[in-house]
Protein backbone atom coordinates (compact mmCIF):
# COMPACT_ATOMS: atom_id res chain seq x y z
CA MET A 1 100.88 66.22 86.18
CA VAL A 2 100.67 64.23 82.98
CA ALA A 3 101.80 60.61 82.95
CA LEU A 4 104.29 59.47 80.36
CA VAL A 5 103.72 55.90 79.31
CA VAL A 6 105.60 54.74 76.26
CA GLY A 7 103.89 51.83 74.47
CA LEU A 8 106.16 49.00 73.38
CA GLY A 9 103.47 46.44 72.51
CA SER A 10 101.17 44.63 74.94
CA GLY A 11 102.22 41.74 77.14
CA LEU A 12 100.53 39.40 74.65
CA GLY A 13 102.62 40.80 71.80
CA VAL A 14 99.85 43.00 70.37
CA ALA A 15 100.76 46.68 70.05
CA PRO A 16 98.10 49.04 71.43
CA ALA A 17 96.63 51.65 69.13
CA PRO A 18 98.27 55.10 69.27
CA VAL A 19 96.64 57.55 71.65
CA ALA A 20 95.74 61.02 70.39
CA ALA A 21 98.09 62.99 72.61
CA GLN A 22 100.96 65.40 72.45
CA ALA A 23 103.83 63.69 70.68
CA PRO A 24 106.98 63.08 72.73
CA PRO A 25 110.16 64.99 71.85
CA ALA A 26 112.06 63.26 69.07
CA ALA A 27 115.66 62.18 69.56
CA SER A 28 117.70 64.80 67.78
CA PRO A 29 121.01 66.69 67.93
CA VAL A 30 118.85 69.59 69.21
CA GLN A 31 119.25 67.92 72.61
CA ASP A 32 122.89 68.99 72.39
CA SER A 33 121.77 72.57 73.08
CA LEU A 34 120.61 71.65 76.59
CA PRO A 35 122.98 72.48 79.48
CA LEU A 36 125.10 69.78 81.04
CA ARG A 37 124.14 68.47 84.45
CA PRO A 38 126.15 66.91 87.30
CA GLY A 39 126.86 63.27 86.48
CA ASP A 40 127.17 63.85 82.73
CA LEU A 41 130.41 62.93 80.95
CA ILE A 42 132.63 64.92 78.61
CA ARG A 43 134.41 62.52 76.27
CA LEU A 44 137.61 63.81 74.67
CA ARG A 45 139.27 62.07 71.75
CA ILE A 46 142.43 63.89 70.62
CA TRP A 47 144.44 62.49 67.74
CA ARG A 48 147.91 61.28 68.82
CA GLU A 49 147.28 62.49 72.37
CA PRO A 50 146.13 59.41 74.32
CA ASP A 51 147.17 60.96 77.65
CA MET A 52 144.77 63.85 77.08
CA SER A 53 141.92 61.70 75.82
CA GLY A 54 139.34 60.14 78.11
CA ASP A 55 136.01 60.56 79.89
CA PHE A 56 135.68 63.42 82.39
CA THR A 57 132.76 63.58 84.83
CA VAL A 58 130.85 66.75 85.68
CA ASN A 59 130.88 66.94 89.48
CA GLU A 60 128.11 68.11 91.84
CA ASP A 61 129.32 71.72 91.50
CA GLY A 62 128.96 71.61 87.71
CA VAL A 63 132.75 71.49 87.20
CA ALA A 64 134.80 69.13 85.04
CA VAL A 65 138.58 68.89 85.39
CA LEU A 66 140.01 68.69 81.88
CA PRO A 67 143.59 68.12 80.68
CA GLU A 68 145.61 71.35 80.23
CA ILE A 69 142.47 73.41 80.91
CA GLY A 70 141.97 72.35 84.53
CA PRO A 71 138.69 72.93 86.42
CA LEU A 72 136.00 74.28 84.10
CA ARG A 73 132.40 75.10 85.01
CA VAL A 74 130.32 73.53 82.26
CA THR A 75 126.69 73.78 83.44
CA THR A 76 126.07 77.47 82.84
CA GLY A 77 125.40 77.35 79.09
CA PRO A 78 124.27 75.10 76.22
CA ALA A 79 126.30 71.94 75.67
CA ASP A 80 127.29 72.92 72.13
CA GLU A 81 128.84 76.15 73.44
CA VAL A 82 130.76 74.18 76.07
CA LYS A 83 132.11 71.85 73.39
CA ALA A 84 133.24 74.79 71.24
CA SER A 85 134.92 76.42 74.24
CA ILE A 86 136.83 73.24 75.08
CA VAL A 87 138.07 72.91 71.51
CA ARG A 88 139.26 76.54 71.50
CA GLU A 89 141.09 76.13 74.83
CA LEU A 90 142.80 72.88 73.86
CA SER A 91 143.80 74.27 70.47
CA THR A 92 146.04 76.81 72.22
CA TYR A 93 148.14 73.95 73.63
CA LEU A 94 148.29 71.75 70.52
CA ASN A 95 149.58 72.27 66.99
CA HIS A 96 147.04 71.43 64.30
CA PRO A 97 144.96 69.30 66.65
CA SER A 98 142.16 66.94 65.74
CA ILE A 99 139.82 67.21 68.72
CA ASP A 100 136.50 65.44 69.15
CA VAL A 101 134.30 66.42 72.09
CA ALA A 102 131.17 64.42 72.88
CA ILE A 103 128.63 64.93 75.64
CA LEU A 104 127.18 61.82 77.28
CA ARG A 105 124.02 62.27 79.33
CA ARG A 106 123.41 60.38 82.58
CA VAL A 107 120.19 58.38 82.85
CA GLN A 108 118.94 55.74 85.27
CA VAL A 109 117.29 52.56 84.04
CA ALA A 110 115.37 50.67 86.71
CA GLY A 111 112.67 48.07 87.13
CA ALA A 112 112.33 44.85 85.16
CA VAL A 113 115.49 45.07 83.04
CA GLN A 114 118.49 42.75 82.92
CA LYS A 115 121.04 45.21 84.31
CA PRO A 116 119.43 48.16 86.13
CA GLY A 117 121.73 51.08 86.90
CA LEU A 118 123.14 54.39 85.71
CA TYR A 119 124.15 54.72 82.07
CA HIS A 120 125.68 57.46 79.92
CA ILE A 121 124.14 57.96 76.49
CA ASP A 122 124.66 60.42 73.67
CA PRO A 123 121.91 63.00 72.95
CA THR A 124 120.60 61.14 69.88
CA MET A 125 119.76 57.93 71.73
CA THR A 126 116.15 56.95 72.47
CA ILE A 127 114.36 55.16 75.27
CA GLY A 128 114.84 51.89 73.42
CA ASP A 129 118.59 52.49 73.15
CA ALA A 130 118.87 53.17 76.87
CA ILE A 131 116.94 50.02 77.75
CA ALA A 132 119.14 48.03 75.37
CA LEU A 133 122.23 49.26 77.26
CA ALA A 134 120.61 47.83 80.40
CA GLY A 135 120.42 44.41 78.74
CA GLY A 136 116.84 44.77 77.57
CA ILE A 137 113.58 43.98 79.34
CA SER A 138 113.64 40.93 81.61
CA GLU A 139 111.23 38.00 81.30
CA SER A 140 109.07 39.45 84.05
CA GLY A 141 108.96 42.94 82.55
CA ARG A 142 106.07 44.54 80.72
CA THR A 143 106.69 45.14 77.04
CA ASP A 144 103.83 47.61 76.71
CA LYS A 145 104.85 50.21 79.25
CA VAL A 146 107.91 52.27 80.20
CA GLU A 147 107.55 55.13 82.66
CA ILE A 148 109.72 58.22 82.24
CA LEU A 149 110.36 60.37 85.30
CA ARG A 150 111.94 63.77 84.81
CA GLY A 151 112.51 65.98 87.80
CA GLY A 152 110.45 63.58 89.91
CA GLN A 153 107.41 63.88 87.64
CA LYS A 154 105.95 61.73 84.89
CA LEU A 155 105.43 63.34 81.49
CA TRP A 156 103.20 62.88 78.38
CA SER A 157 101.09 59.83 77.60
CA VAL A 158 101.75 57.98 74.35
CA SER A 159 101.43 54.44 73.07
CA GLY A 160 102.40 52.43 70.01
CA ARG A 161 105.62 50.65 69.08
CA SER A 162 106.85 53.44 66.80
CA TYR A 163 107.29 55.87 69.70
CA ILE A 164 110.06 53.78 71.24
CA GLY A 165 112.39 54.81 68.44
CA GLN A 166 111.35 58.46 68.55
CA THR A 167 111.25 59.49 72.20
CA ALA A 168 114.35 61.35 73.32
CA VAL A 169 116.02 60.96 76.70
CA GLN A 170 117.41 63.89 78.66
CA SER A 171 120.10 64.03 81.32
CA GLY A 172 118.78 62.96 84.71
CA ASP A 173 115.82 61.01 83.30
CA GLN A 174 114.71 57.88 85.12
CA LEU A 175 113.34 55.05 83.00
CA TYR A 176 111.28 52.47 84.86
CA VAL A 177 110.04 49.20 83.34
CA PRO A 178 107.29 47.72 85.55
CA GLU A 179 106.75 43.99 86.02
CA ARG A 180 103.90 42.16 84.34
CA SER A 181 101.02 41.00 86.51
CA TRP A 182 101.27 37.62 88.24
CA ILE A 183 98.59 36.24 85.94
CA SER A 184 100.40 37.26 82.75
CA ARG A 185 103.65 35.79 84.09
CA ASN A 186 102.06 32.46 85.01
CA PRO A 187 99.58 31.52 82.25
CA GLY A 188 100.37 27.82 82.69
CA VAL A 189 99.30 27.90 86.33
CA ILE A 190 96.06 29.65 85.42
CA LEU A 191 95.29 27.14 82.65
CA ALA A 192 96.02 24.23 84.98
CA PHE A 193 93.74 25.74 87.63
CA LEU A 194 90.92 26.28 85.14
CA SER A 195 91.34 22.74 83.83
CA THR A 196 91.09 21.35 87.37
CA ILE A 197 87.96 23.38 88.07
CA THR A 198 86.42 22.17 84.81
CA VAL A 199 87.12 18.54 85.70
CA LEU A 200 85.68 18.97 89.20
CA ILE A 201 82.51 20.59 87.86
CA TYR A 202 82.11 17.83 85.28
CA THR A 203 82.65 15.17 87.96
CA VAL A 204 80.13 16.74 90.34
CA ARG A 205 77.49 17.06 87.65
CA ARG A 206 77.85 13.39 86.75
């Protein structure tokens, strides 16, 4: 099992040097070819049809209930094929329709972020985008490490600020931002302690 650690810059604001390792998958519309998974959203935007537009969740059985179409199993093929199928089906009910179908992937952002929880992102969004949706990293969070769990396992090991804008997120991914160590979160306490020790040593030696 290979650990995936995405470098964002060290806790002291210094970005670590890139590690010679397999590069992470880049955020790209290619992600749109992956199958949908339960918890994903299908977003419909149909011109002049507000009652048919909206967000429709893929349930645990891999089915989404869509306007006019009804229950549709959407997890058996690539997402782009599902989108094309939905457009074809809806076009039979509408005259000269303008139909936009978007797939939003479900990810979980946890750890030291402002608003941990489940979020839906489009296939082109990166780790940084997902963390931004969660309000960004909290004051106690590490800025040099984000763990990516996929299927219960950690993947790849990379570092360097540039990777944050390149690493793609897939449906079902879990992003975890760990907290900084107690020492790094309390430098003032450490400095005060060291100053006290220095004064005591100086006093004793006198």
